[in-house]
C-alpha atoms as a PDB file:
ATOM      1  CA  UNK A   1      -0.259   0.416   0.654  1.00  0.00           C
ATOM      2  CA  UNK A   2       0.815   3.714  -1.396  1.00  0.00           C
ATOM      3  CA  UNK A   3       1.788   5.447   1.796  1.00  0.00           C
ATOM      4  CA  UNK A   4       1.651   9.317   3.011  1.00  0.00           C
ATOM      5  CA  UNK A   5       5.782   9.202   3.161  1.00  0.00           C
ATOM      6  CA  UNK A   6       5.686   7.306  -0.832  1.00  0.00           C
ATOM      7  CA  UNK A   7       4.342   9.622  -2.383  1.00  0.00           C
ATOM      8  CA  UNK A   8       5.999  13.150   0.146  1.00  0.00           C
ATOM      9  CA  UNK A   9       8.867  11.224   0.912  1.00  0.00           C
ATOM     10  CA  UNK A  10       8.587  12.544   4.150  1.00  0.00           C
ATOM     11  CA  UNK A  11       5.947  11.184   7.211  1.00  0.00           C
ATOM     12  CA  UNK A  12       3.056  13.644   8.467  1.00  0.00           C
ATOM     13  CA  UNK A  13       4.563  16.348  10.278  1.00  0.00           C
ATOM     14  CA  UNK A  14       3.374  17.244  13.109  1.00  0.00           C
ATOM     15  CA  UNK A  15       3.386  21.072  15.012  1.00  0.00           C
ATOM     16  CA  UNK A  16       2.040  23.705  16.249  1.00  0.00           C
ATOM     17  CA  UNK A  17       1.353  26.003  14.067  1.00  0.00           C
ATOM     18  CA  UNK A  18       0.882  25.567   9.999  1.00  0.00           C
ATOM     19  CA  UNK A  19       3.532  26.134   7.237  1.00  0.00           C
ATOM     20  CA  UNK A  20       4.384  29.226   5.831  1.00  0.00           C
ATOM     21  CA  UNK A  21       3.974  27.074   2.062  1.00  0.00           C
ATOM     22  CA  UNK A  22       2.858  24.604   1.891  1.00  0.00           C
ATOM     23  CA  UNK A  23       2.256  22.257  -1.333  1.00  0.00           C
ATOM     24  CA  UNK A  24      -0.690  21.446  -3.307  1.00  0.00           C
ATOM     25  CA  UNK A  25      -1.582  18.139  -1.089  1.00  0.00           C
ATOM     26  CA  UNK A  26       0.930  18.598   1.490  1.00  0.00           C
ATOM     27  CA  UNK A  27      -0.780  16.771   5.502  1.00  0.00           C
ATOM     28  CA  UNK A  28      -0.071  18.517   8.836  1.00  0.00           C
ATOM     29  CA  UNK A  29      -1.668  17.538  11.915  1.00  0.00           C
ATOM     30  CA  UNK A  30      -1.400  21.375  13.899  1.00  0.00           C
ATOM     31  CA  UNK A  31      -2.079  20.768  17.643  1.00  0.00           C
ATOM     32  CA  UNK A  32      -3.647  17.946  17.301  1.00  0.00           C
ATOM     33  CA  UNK A  33      -5.755  19.063  13.943  1.00  0.00           C
ATOM     34  CA  UNK A  34      -5.082  16.794  10.922  1.00  0.00           C
ATOM     35  CA  UNK A  35      -5.106  19.357   8.582  1.00  0.00           C
ATOM     36  CA  UNK A  36      -4.615  20.312   4.370  1.00  0.00           C
ATOM     37  CA  UNK A  37      -3.578  22.151   1.872  1.00  0.00           C
ATOM     38  CA  UNK A  38      -5.273  21.748  -2.101  1.00  0.00           C
ATOM     39  CA  UNK A  39      -5.239  24.304  -4.930  1.00  0.00           C
ATOM     40  CA  UNK A  40      -8.660  25.341  -7.181  1.00  0.00           C
ATOM     41  CA  UNK A  41      -7.313  25.762 -10.728  1.00  0.00           C
ATOM     42  CA  UNK A  42     -11.295  26.899 -10.462  1.00  0.00           C
ATOM     43  CA  UNK A  43     -10.273  30.363  -9.150  1.00  0.00           C
ATOM     44  CA  UNK A  44     -11.789  31.998  -5.804  1.00  0.00           C
ATOM     45  CA  UNK A  45     -12.678  34.518  -4.301  1.00  0.00           C
ATOM     46  CA  UNK A  46     -11.262  35.931  -0.753  1.00  0.00           C
ATOM     47  CA  UNK A  47     -12.632  38.790   1.734  1.00  0.00           C
ATOM     48  CA  UNK A  48     -10.156  41.227   1.529  1.00  0.00           C
ATOM     49  CA  UNK A  49     -10.030  44.975   3.005  1.00  0.00           C
ATOM     50  CA  UNK A  50     -12.334  46.991   3.285  1.00  0.00           C
ATOM     51  CA  UNK A  51     -13.255  50.849   1.641  1.00  0.00           C
ATOM     52  CA  UNK A  52     -12.769  53.233   4.001  1.00  0.00           C
ATOM     53  CA  UNK A  53     -16.082  54.966   2.302  1.00  0.00           C
ATOM     54  CA  UNK A  54     -19.160  52.647   1.858  1.00  0.00           C
ATOM     55  CA  UNK A  55     -19.891  53.683  -1.691  1.00  0.00           C
ATOM     56  CA  UNK A  56     -21.703  52.522  -4.992  1.00  0.00           C
ATOM     57  CA  UNK A  57     -21.689  53.685  -8.519  1.00  0.00           C
ATOM     58  CA  UNK A  58     -17.547  54.352  -7.866  1.00  0.00           C
ATOM     59  CA  UNK A  59     -15.545  53.380 -10.593  1.00  0.00           C
ATOM     60  CA  UNK A  60     -11.269  51.811 -10.892  1.00  0.00           C
ATOM     61  CA  UNK A  61      -8.335  50.987 -12.147  1.00  0.00           C
ATOM     62  CA  UNK A  62      -5.535  48.701 -11.983  1.00  0.00           C
ATOM     63  CA  UNK A  63      -3.894  45.587 -12.698  1.00  0.00           C
ATOM     64  CA  UNK A  64      -4.328  43.116 -10.169  1.00  0.00           C
ATOM     65  CA  UNK A  65      -5.286  42.407  -7.075  1.00  0.00           C
ATOM     66  CA  UNK A  66      -2.674  44.485  -5.345  1.00  0.00           C
ATOM     67  CA  UNK A  67      -2.947  47.549  -6.773  1.00  0.00           C
ATOM     68  CA  UNK A  68      -6.727  49.438  -7.298  1.00  0.00           C
ATOM     69  CA  UNK A  69      -7.818  52.569  -7.078  1.00  0.00           C
ATOM     70  CA  UNK A  70     -10.938  53.572  -6.224  1.00  0.00           C
ATOM     71  CA  UNK A  71     -12.890  56.754  -6.866  1.00  0.00           C
ATOM     72  CA  UNK A  72     -16.374  59.074  -6.446  1.00  0.00           C
ATOM     73  CA  UNK A  73     -19.284  57.252  -5.881  1.00  0.00           C
ATOM     74  CA  UNK A  74     -22.920  57.733  -4.487  1.00  0.00           C
ATOM     75  CA  UNK A  75     -25.566  57.949  -2.666  1.00  0.00           C
ATOM     76  CA  UNK A  76     -24.542  61.146  -2.785  1.00  0.00           C
ATOM     77  CA  UNK A  77     -21.842  62.417  -5.272  1.00  0.00           C
ATOM     78  CA  UNK A  78     -18.080  61.932  -4.421  1.00  0.00           C
ATOM     79  CA  UNK A  79     -14.674  62.392  -4.642  1.00  0.00           C
ATOM     80  CA  UNK A  80     -12.606  60.462  -2.388  1.00  0.00           C
ATOM     81  CA  UNK A  81     -10.080  58.185  -3.893  1.00  0.00           C
ATOM     82  CA  UNK A  82      -8.319  55.289  -2.341  1.00  0.00           C
ATOM     83  CA  UNK A  83      -5.471  53.116  -3.508  1.00  0.00           C
ATOM     84  CA  UNK A  84      -5.515  49.587  -2.755  1.00  0.00           C
ATOM     85  CA  UNK A  85      -1.677  47.478  -1.774  1.00  0.00           C
ATOM     86  CA  UNK A  86      -2.968  43.818  -1.264  1.00  0.00           C
ATOM     87  CA  UNK A  87      -3.810  44.634   2.445  1.00  0.00           C
ATOM     88  CA  UNK A  88      -5.374  47.709   2.728  1.00  0.00           C
ATOM     89  CA  UNK A  89      -7.175  51.018   1.288  1.00  0.00           C
ATOM     90  CA  UNK A  90      -5.204  54.277   1.579  1.00  0.00           C
ATOM     91  CA  UNK A  91      -7.181  57.899   1.391  1.00  0.00           C
ATOM     92  CA  UNK A  92      -5.626  59.671  -1.250  1.00  0.00           C
ATOM     93  CA  UNK A  93      -6.320  63.419  -3.444  1.00  0.00           C
ATOM     94  CA  UNK A  94      -9.632  63.493  -4.353  1.00  0.00           C
ATOM     95  CA  UNK A  95     -11.364  64.048  -7.476  1.00  0.00           C
ATOM     96  CA  UNK A  96     -11.533  67.486  -8.617  1.00  0.00           C
ATOM     97  CA  UNK A  97     -15.390  66.502  -9.461  1.00  0.00           C
ATOM     98  CA  UNK A  98     -17.653  65.140  -7.306  1.00  0.00           C
ATOM     99  CA  UNK A  99     -19.096  62.459  -9.154  1.00  0.00           C
ATOM    100  CA  UNK A 100     -20.923  58.877  -9.695  1.00  0.00           C
ATOM    101  CA  UNK A 101     -21.499  56.090 -12.420  1.00  0.00           C
ATOM    102  CA  UNK A 102     -18.655  57.446 -14.023  1.00  0.00           C
ATOM    103  CA  UNK A 103     -16.131  55.299 -16.416  1.00  0.00           C
ATOM    104  CA  UNK A 104     -13.089  54.062 -15.375  1.00  0.00           C
ATOM    105  CA  UNK A 105      -9.435  52.650 -16.827  1.00  0.00           C
ATOM    106  CA  UNK A 106      -5.610  52.741 -16.305  1.00  0.00           C
ATOM    107  CA  UNK A 107      -3.400  51.623 -13.613  1.00  0.00           C
ATOM    108  CA  UNK A 108      -3.338  52.165  -9.929  1.00  0.00           C
ATOM    109  CA  UNK A 109      -0.674  55.089 -10.956  1.00  0.00           C
ATOM    110  CA  UNK A 110      -2.199  56.160 -13.918  1.00  0.00           C
ATOM    111  CA  UNK A 111      -5.279  57.049 -14.744  1.00  0.00           C
ATOM    112  CA  UNK A 112      -8.814  58.433 -15.892  1.00  0.00           C
ATOM    113  CA  UNK A 113     -12.251  59.420 -14.484  1.00  0.00           C
ATOM    114  CA  UNK A 114     -14.910  59.684 -17.279  1.00  0.00           C
ATOM    115  CA  UNK A 115     -17.679  61.565 -17.233  1.00  0.00           C
ATOM    116  CA  UNK A 116     -20.344  60.385 -14.984  1.00  0.00           C
ATOM    117  CA  UNK A 117     -23.746  61.525 -13.495  1.00  0.00           C
ATOM    118  CA  UNK A 118     -24.016  64.831 -11.007  1.00  0.00           C
ATOM    119  CA  UNK A 119     -27.340  66.348  -9.497  1.00  0.00           C
ATOM    120  CA  UNK A 120     -28.502  68.093 -12.503  1.00  0.00           C
ATOM    121  CA  UNK A 121     -27.454  65.058 -15.273  1.00  0.00           C
ATOM    122  CA  UNK A 122     -24.800  63.367 -16.965  1.00  0.00           C
ATOM    123  CA  UNK A 123     -21.315  65.371 -17.069  1.00  0.00           C
ATOM    124  CA  UNK A 124     -18.561  65.148 -19.969  1.00  0.00           C
ATOM    125  CA  UNK A 125     -15.837  66.035 -17.851  1.00  0.00           C
ATOM    126  CA  UNK A 126     -13.202  63.918 -17.646  1.00  0.00           C
ATOM    127  CA  UNK A 127     -10.134  63.980 -15.344  1.00  0.00           C
ATOM    128  CA  UNK A 128      -6.140  62.359 -15.761  1.00  0.00           C
ATOM    129  CA  UNK A 129      -4.480  60.884 -12.188  1.00  0.00           C
ATOM    130  CA  UNK A 130      -0.302  60.882 -11.752  1.00  0.00           C
ATOM    131  CA  UNK A 131       0.130  58.676  -9.290  1.00  0.00           C
ATOM    132  CA  UNK A 132      -0.143  62.047  -6.710  1.00  0.00           C
ATOM    133  CA  UNK A 133      -3.468  64.343  -7.650  1.00  0.00           C
ATOM    134  CA  UNK A 134      -5.781  64.270 -10.239  1.00  0.00           C
ATOM    135  CA  UNK A 135      -6.145  66.554 -13.004  1.00  0.00           C
ATOM    136  CA  UNK A 136      -9.420  67.772 -15.333  1.00  0.00           C
ATOM    137  CA  UNK A 137      -8.529  67.517 -19.255  1.00  0.00           C
ATOM    138  CA  UNK A 138     -10.188  67.335 -22.275  1.00  0.00           C
ATOM    139  CA  UNK A 139     -13.194  66.339 -21.825  1.00  0.00           C
ATOM    140  CA  UNK A 140     -15.004  63.653 -23.964  1.00  0.00           C
ATOM    141  CA  UNK A 141     -16.971  64.682 -27.171  1.00  0.00           C
ATOM    142  CA  UNK A 142     -21.053  63.124 -25.724  1.00  0.00           C
ATOM    143  CA  UNK A 143     -21.555  64.056 -21.874  1.00  0.00           C
ATOM    144  CA  UNK A 144     -22.792  60.819 -20.849  1.00  0.00           C
ATOM    145  CA  UNK A 145     -22.849  57.802 -17.481  1.00  0.00           C
ATOM    146  CA  UNK A 146     -23.112  54.016 -16.760  1.00  0.00           C
ATOM    147  CA  UNK A 147     -20.021  54.125 -19.720  1.00  0.00           C
ATOM    148  CA  UNK A 148     -17.738  51.012 -20.204  1.00  0.00           C
ATOM    149  CA  UNK A 149     -14.227  51.687 -20.346  1.00  0.00           C
ATOM    150  CA  UNK A 150     -10.624  50.583 -21.256  1.00  0.00           C
ATOM    151  CA  UNK A 151      -7.503  51.442 -21.744  1.00  0.00           C
ATOM    152  CA  UNK A 152      -3.334  50.843 -20.113  1.00  0.00           C
ATOM    153  CA  UNK A 153      -3.026  54.693 -18.946  1.00  0.00           C
ATOM    154  CA  UNK A 154      -4.270  58.115 -18.594  1.00  0.00           C
ATOM    155  CA  UNK A 155      -2.749  58.458 -22.422  1.00  0.00           C
ATOM    156  CA  UNK A 156      -4.270  55.453 -24.018  1.00  0.00           C
ATOM    157  CA  UNK A 157      -7.836  54.701 -23.374  1.00  0.00           C
ATOM    158  CA  UNK A 158     -11.654  53.923 -25.453  1.00  0.00           C
ATOM    159  CA  UNK A 159     -15.243  54.471 -23.626  1.00  0.00           C
ATOM    160  CA  UNK A 160     -18.002  53.404 -25.129  1.00  0.00           C
ATOM    161  CA  UNK A 161     -22.236  53.586 -24.089  1.00  0.00           C
ATOM    162  CA  UNK A 162     -23.719  54.702 -21.211  1.00  0.00           C
ATOM    163  CA  UNK A 163     -26.576  57.015 -21.031  1.00  0.00           C
ATOM    164  CA  UNK A 164     -27.360  58.483 -23.251  1.00  0.00           C
ATOM    165  CA  UNK A 165     -26.472  57.518 -26.556  1.00  0.00           C
ATOM    166  CA  UNK A 166     -25.850  54.391 -25.588  1.00  0.00           C
ATOM    167  CA  UNK A 167     -23.631  53.137 -28.929  1.00  0.00           C
ATOM    168  CA  UNK A 168     -21.267  55.806 -28.994  1.00  0.00           C
ATOM    169  CA  UNK A 169     -17.288  54.653 -28.907  1.00  0.00           C
ATOM    170  CA  UNK A 170     -14.459  57.667 -28.605  1.00  0.00           C
ATOM    171  CA  UNK A 171     -11.079  57.100 -28.010  1.00  0.00           C
ATOM    172  CA  UNK A 172      -8.768  58.893 -26.049  1.00  0.00           C
ATOM    173  CA  UNK A 173      -4.777  59.665 -27.195  1.00  0.00           C
ATOM    174  CA  UNK A 174      -3.828  61.349 -24.252  1.00  0.00           C
ATOM    175  CA  UNK A 175      -4.623  65.173 -25.285  1.00  0.00           C
ATOM    176  CA  UNK A 176      -8.501  64.554 -27.072  1.00  0.00           C
ATOM    177  CA  UNK A 177     -11.783  61.885 -27.526  1.00  0.00           C
ATOM    178  CA  UNK A 178     -12.446  61.279 -31.690  1.00  0.00           C
ATOM    179  CA  UNK A 179     -15.549  59.609 -31.797  1.00  0.00           C
ATOM    180  CA  UNK A 180     -15.048  56.226 -33.909  1.00  0.00           C
ATOM    181  CA  UNK A 181     -17.143  53.124 -34.579  1.00  0.00           C
ATOM    182  CA  UNK A 182     -20.294  52.357 -33.084  1.00  0.00           C
ATOM    183  CA  UNK A 183     -21.289  48.976 -30.410  1.00  0.00           C
ATOM    184  CA  UNK A 184     -23.340  47.351 -32.678  1.00  0.00           C
ATOM    185  CA  UNK A 185     -25.576  46.545 -29.534  1.00  0.00           C
ATOM    186  CA  UNK A 186     -27.022  49.979 -27.458  1.00  0.00           C
ATOM    187  CA  UNK A 187     -26.923  49.931 -23.721  1.00  0.00           C
ATOM    188  CA  UNK A 188     -25.805  51.503 -20.789  1.00  0.00           C
ATOM    189  CA  UNK A 189     -24.613  49.804 -17.511  1.00  0.00           C
ATOM    190  CA  UNK A 190     -23.062  47.568 -19.173  1.00  0.00           C
ATOM    191  CA  UNK A 191     -18.694  46.741 -18.482  1.00  0.00           C
ATOM    192  CA  UNK A 192     -16.336  46.750 -20.013  1.00  0.00           C
ATOM    193  CA  UNK A 193     -11.839  46.172 -19.653  1.00  0.00           C
ATOM    194  CA  UNK A 194      -8.747  46.344 -22.250  1.00  0.00           C
ATOM    195  CA  UNK A 195      -7.022  47.917 -24.137  1.00  0.00           C
ATOM    196  CA  UNK A 196      -7.550  51.164 -26.699  1.00  0.00           C
ATOM    197  CA  UNK A 197      -7.097  48.992 -29.226  1.00  0.00           C
ATOM    198  CA  UNK A 198      -8.574  45.232 -27.566  1.00  0.00           C
ATOM    199  CA  UNK A 199     -11.330  46.220 -25.337  1.00  0.00           C
ATOM    200  CA  UNK A 200     -13.884  43.845 -24.646  1.00  0.00           C
ATOM    201  CA  UNK A 201     -18.041  45.044 -23.645  1.00  0.00           C
ATOM    202  CA  UNK A 202     -20.480  43.180 -22.132  1.00  0.00           C
ATOM    203  CA  UNK A 203     -23.672  43.021 -20.679  1.00  0.00           C
ATOM    204  CA  UNK A 204     -25.129  45.597 -19.889  1.00  0.00           C
ATOM    205  CA  UNK A 205     -29.636  47.105 -20.518  1.00  0.00           C
ATOM    206  CA  UNK A 206     -30.601  47.169 -23.887  1.00  0.00           C
ATOM    207  CA  UNK A 207     -33.897  48.623 -22.897  1.00  0.00           C
ATOM    208  CA  UNK A 208     -36.305  47.942 -21.555  1.00  0.00           C
ATOM    209  CA  UNK A 209     -34.249  44.313 -20.541  1.00  0.00           C
ATOM    210  CA  UNK A 210     -30.923  43.505 -19.951  1.00  0.00           C
ATOM    211  CA  UNK A 211     -28.494  42.258 -22.097  1.00  0.00           C
ATOM    212  CA  UNK A 212     -25.826  38.761 -22.285  1.00  0.00           C
ATOM    213  CA  UNK A 213     -24.260  40.587 -25.580  1.00  0.00           C
ATOM    214  CA  UNK A 214     -20.759  40.707 -25.680  1.00  0.00           C
ATOM    215  CA  UNK A 215     -18.486  42.456 -28.180  1.00  0.00           C
ATOM    216  CA  UNK A 216     -15.043  42.990 -29.167  1.00  0.00           C
ATOM    217  CA  UNK A 217     -13.129  45.968 -29.903  1.00  0.00           C
ATOM    218  CA  UNK A 218      -9.553  45.327 -32.212  1.00  0.00           C
ATOM    219  CA  UNK A 219      -9.289  49.076 -32.918  1.00  0.00           C
ATOM    220  CA  UNK A 220     -11.496  49.478 -35.819  1.00  0.00           C
ATOM    221  CA  UNK A 221     -15.327  47.990 -35.242  1.00  0.00           C
ATOM    222  CA  UNK A 222     -16.878  46.317 -32.468  1.00  0.00           C
ATOM    223  CA  UNK A 223     -18.144  42.512 -33.476  1.00  0.00           C
ATOM    224  CA  UNK A 224     -20.404  40.536 -32.131  1.00  0.00           C
ATOM    225  CA  UNK A 225     -19.365  37.511 -30.126  1.00  0.00           C
ATOM    226  CA  UNK A 226     -20.939  34.865 -27.717  1.00  0.00           C
ATOM    227  CA  UNK A 227     -22.584  36.054 -25.049  1.00  0.00           C
ATOM    228  CA  UNK A 228     -23.185  36.000 -21.366  1.00  0.00           C
ATOM    229  CA  UNK A 229     -24.321  32.735 -19.647  1.00  0.00           C
ATOM    230  CA  UNK A 230     -26.237  35.704 -17.550  1.00  0.00           C
ATOM    231  CA  UNK A 231     -27.524  39.321 -19.160  1.00  0.00           C
ATOM    232  CA  UNK A 232     -27.131  41.170 -16.469  1.00  0.00           C
ATOM    233  CA  UNK A 233     -26.773  45.113 -15.955  1.00  0.00           C
ATOM    234  CA  UNK A 234     -24.222  47.165 -13.327  1.00  0.00           C
ATOM    235  CA  UNK A 235     -21.971  44.678 -13.270  1.00  0.00           C
ATOM    236  CA  UNK A 236     -18.211  44.292 -13.457  1.00  0.00           C
ATOM    237  CA  UNK A 237     -15.470  43.433 -15.227  1.00  0.00           C
ATOM    238  CA  UNK A 238     -11.327  42.683 -15.188  1.00  0.00           C
ATOM    239  CA  UNK A 239      -9.018  41.385 -18.105  1.00  0.00           C
ATOM    240  CA  UNK A 240      -5.804  42.406 -19.517  1.00  0.00           C
ATOM    241  CA  UNK A 241      -7.705  43.231 -23.707  1.00  0.00           C
ATOM    242  CA  UNK A 242     -10.476  40.896 -26.224  1.00  0.00           C
ATOM    243  CA  UNK A 243      -9.178  37.212 -24.833  1.00  0.00           C
ATOM    244  CA  UNK A 244      -9.832  37.074 -20.993  1.00  0.00           C
ATOM    245  CA  UNK A 245     -11.724  39.002 -18.684  1.00  0.00           C
ATOM    246  CA  UNK A 246     -13.483  37.972 -15.207  1.00  0.00           C
ATOM    247  CA  UNK A 247     -17.441  39.377 -15.359  1.00  0.00           C
ATOM    248  CA  UNK A 248     -18.997  39.846 -11.710  1.00  0.00           C
ATOM    249  CA  UNK A 249     -21.825  40.624 -10.205  1.00  0.00           C
ATOM    250  CA  UNK A 250     -24.538  43.098 -11.294  1.00  0.00           C
ATOM    251  CA  UNK A 251     -29.100  43.235 -10.708  1.00  0.00           C
ATOM    252  CA  UNK A 252     -32.091  42.297 -13.240  1.00  0.00           C
ATOM    253  CA  UNK A 253     -33.727  44.406 -15.149  1.00  0.00           C
ATOM    254  CA  UNK A 254     -35.798  45.704 -12.198  1.00  0.00           C
ATOM    255  CA  UNK A 255     -33.054  45.806  -9.893  1.00  0.00           C
ATOM    256  CA  UNK A 256     -35.278  43.497  -6.989  1.00  0.00           C
ATOM    257  CA  UNK A 257     -31.765  40.926  -7.653  1.00  0.00           C
ATOM    258  CA  UNK A 258     -28.825  41.637  -7.639  1.00  0.00           C
ATOM    259  CA  UNK A 259     -26.532  38.740  -8.327  1.00  0.00           C
ATOM    260  CA  UNK A 260     -23.602  37.054  -7.369  1.00  0.00           C
ATOM    261  CA  UNK A 261     -22.455  35.321 -10.970  1.00  0.00           C
ATOM    262  CA  UNK A 262     -19.153  35.751 -11.739  1.00  0.00           C
ATOM    263  CA  UNK A 263     -18.618  34.723 -15.366  1.00  0.00           C
ATOM    264  CA  UNK A 264     -14.839  34.054 -17.038  1.00  0.00           C
ATOM    265  CA  UNK A 265     -13.932  34.560 -20.695  1.00  0.00           C
ATOM    266  CA  UNK A 266     -11.138  32.863 -22.565  1.00  0.00           C
ATOM    267  CA  UNK A 267     -11.767  34.753 -26.466  1.00  0.00           C
ATOM    268  CA  UNK A 268     -13.961  32.932 -27.667  1.00  0.00           C
ATOM    269  CA  UNK A 269     -17.035  32.365 -24.576  1.00  0.00           C
ATOM    270  CA  UNK A 270     -17.813  32.411 -21.192  1.00  0.00           C
ATOM    271  CA  UNK A 271     -17.728  30.123 -18.138  1.00  0.00           C
ATOM    272  CA  UNK A 272     -19.733  29.917 -14.857  1.00  0.00           C
ATOM    273  CA  UNK A 273     -16.933  29.830 -12.319  1.00  0.00           C
ATOM    274  CA  UNK A 274     -17.481  30.750  -8.271  1.00  0.00           C
ATOM    275  CA  UNK A 275     -19.880  33.866  -7.360  1.00  0.00           C
ATOM    276  CA  UNK A 276     -18.828  36.741  -5.094  1.00  0.00           C
ATOM    277  CA  UNK A 277     -19.235  36.107  -1.897  1.00  0.00           C
ATOM    278  CA  UNK A 278     -21.602  38.930  -1.276  1.00  0.00           C
ATOM    279  CA  UNK A 279     -23.898  39.926  -4.083  1.00  0.00           C
ATOM    280  CA  UNK A 280     -24.340  43.739  -5.828  1.00  0.00           C
ATOM    281  CA  UNK A 281     -24.746  45.348  -8.066  1.00  0.00           C
ATOM    282  CA  UNK A 282     -23.316  48.931  -9.386  1.00  0.00           C
ATOM    283  CA  UNK A 283     -19.627  47.921  -8.073  1.00  0.00           C
ATOM    284  CA  UNK A 284     -16.119  48.320  -9.407  1.00  0.00           C
ATOM    285  CA  UNK A 285     -13.947  45.814 -10.655  1.00  0.00           C
ATOM    286  CA  UNK A 286      -9.639  46.712 -11.983  1.00  0.00           C
ATOM    287  CA  UNK A 287      -6.943  43.618 -12.454  1.00  0.00           C
ATOM    288  CA  UNK A 288      -7.207  40.608 -14.948  1.00  0.00           C
ATOM    289  CA  UNK A 289      -8.941  38.008 -15.416  1.00  0.00           C
ATOM    290  CA  UNK A 290      -6.479  35.843 -13.422  1.00  0.00           C
ATOM    291  CA  UNK A 291      -6.204  38.648 -10.795  1.00  0.00           C
ATOM    292  CA  UNK A 292      -9.040  40.580  -9.795  1.00  0.00           C
ATOM    293  CA  UNK A 293     -10.448  42.804  -7.698  1.00  0.00           C
ATOM    294  CA  UNK A 294     -14.329  43.874  -6.336  1.00  0.00           C
ATOM    295  CA  UNK A 295     -15.038  46.662  -4.567  1.00  0.00           C
ATOM    296  CA  UNK A 296     -18.395  48.499  -3.251  1.00  0.00           C
ATOM    297  CA  UNK A 297     -21.810  48.362  -4.635  1.00  0.00           C
ATOM    298  CA  UNK A 298     -25.038  48.322  -3.841  1.00  0.00           C
ATOM    299  CA  UNK A 299     -26.447  47.046  -1.861  1.00  0.00           C
ATOM    300  CA  UNK A 300     -24.387  50.275  -0.283  1.00  0.00           C
ATOM    301  CA  UNK A 301     -21.301  48.726   0.995  1.00  0.00           C
ATOM    302  CA  UNK A 302     -17.165  49.110   1.308  1.00  0.00           C
ATOM    303  CA  UNK A 303     -16.578  44.493   1.089  1.00  0.00           C
ATOM    304  CA  UNK A 304     -13.385  44.238  -1.230  1.00  0.00           C
ATOM    305  CA  UNK A 305     -13.055  40.932  -2.350  1.00  0.00           C
ATOM    306  CA  UNK A 306      -9.770  39.562  -4.348  1.00  0.00           C
ATOM    307  CA  UNK A 307     -10.300  37.264  -7.474  1.00  0.00           C
ATOM    308  CA  UNK A 308      -7.018  34.530  -7.494  1.00  0.00           C
ATOM    309  CA  UNK A 309      -6.010  31.897 -10.062  1.00  0.00           C
ATOM    310  CA  UNK A 310      -5.648  28.590  -8.558  1.00  0.00           C
ATOM    311  CA  UNK A 311      -6.985  29.839  -5.687  1.00  0.00           C
ATOM    312  CA  UNK A 312      -4.906  28.101  -2.777  1.00  0.00           C
ATOM    313  CA  UNK A 313      -6.775  26.894   0.609  1.00  0.00           C
ATOM    314  CA  UNK A 314      -5.925  25.606   3.801  1.00  0.00           C
ATOM    315  CA  UNK A 315      -8.904  23.084   4.793  1.00  0.00           C
ATOM    316  CA  UNK A 316      -8.775  20.636   8.282  1.00  0.00           C
ATOM    317  CA  UNK A 317     -10.731  17.325   7.855  1.00  0.00           C
ATOM    318  CA  UNK A 318     -12.280  15.556  10.931  1.00  0.00           C
ATOM    319  CA  UNK A 319     -10.453  12.267  11.757  1.00  0.00           C
ATOM    320  CA  UNK A 320     -13.274   9.129  12.249  1.00  0.00           C
END
């Protein structure tokens, strides 16, 4: 009979703590409790540190779950900006124009806050983040909110959809916005990620109902591809380009049911994976498909969740 020692080369350890860097399949006793380490290749959400300011309808930027920027939001229009380092959120310099339902893109040291909503209606205001403070730069051509956005930093970005003008797409070159090819499906409350030349747009509402439509941008035009499995609006996403993404959260058209659903995009189709721990909509998200971050949302919350692939966990066994 094969034993644990035959497989791993050592006996099961007896310890008073958990090992710092266990490997997949490792087993040990900690103070009389049999424990083991496993790695899920499917990925999962883990609870992170809360935002300092609970909010919904905020925006974010960043390329991982250890470096993210959160800004704006509601209730009431907010201008707070916070930085996440993988352990905690730190308050930084505020937006110049407090607002909610804006588009956010870039990285934690070079981002854009695009458009959004004010008490008097939509705004075209565009602000650029340099890692320290926000500066107002050239407005988008069409004032709107609830857009999708994509971009690598504050010099290159794409904003699309939203209300009003739900098919409009504009590209940013670091100094001004230019209208380019429209989305095929006019909608608002969608999400997007990627770059100015390789972006993904999914979900949203194309009144009177939610949509599962997904489109990819190749730098010139949008092409419809395979739909999300669950139609929803006011969701969030993270992804490096149009070939990989993670879409999560959202709500149904009436707003009576918020979603924890998470789906992974591989460039061809969507696959349902492990849900958010906390169902919500109007949240922000960033990162890449294997290392994403979701934070804030409605019901108004400060909750932050970190997505990781693969996802390691330590479990305890019941011995009988």
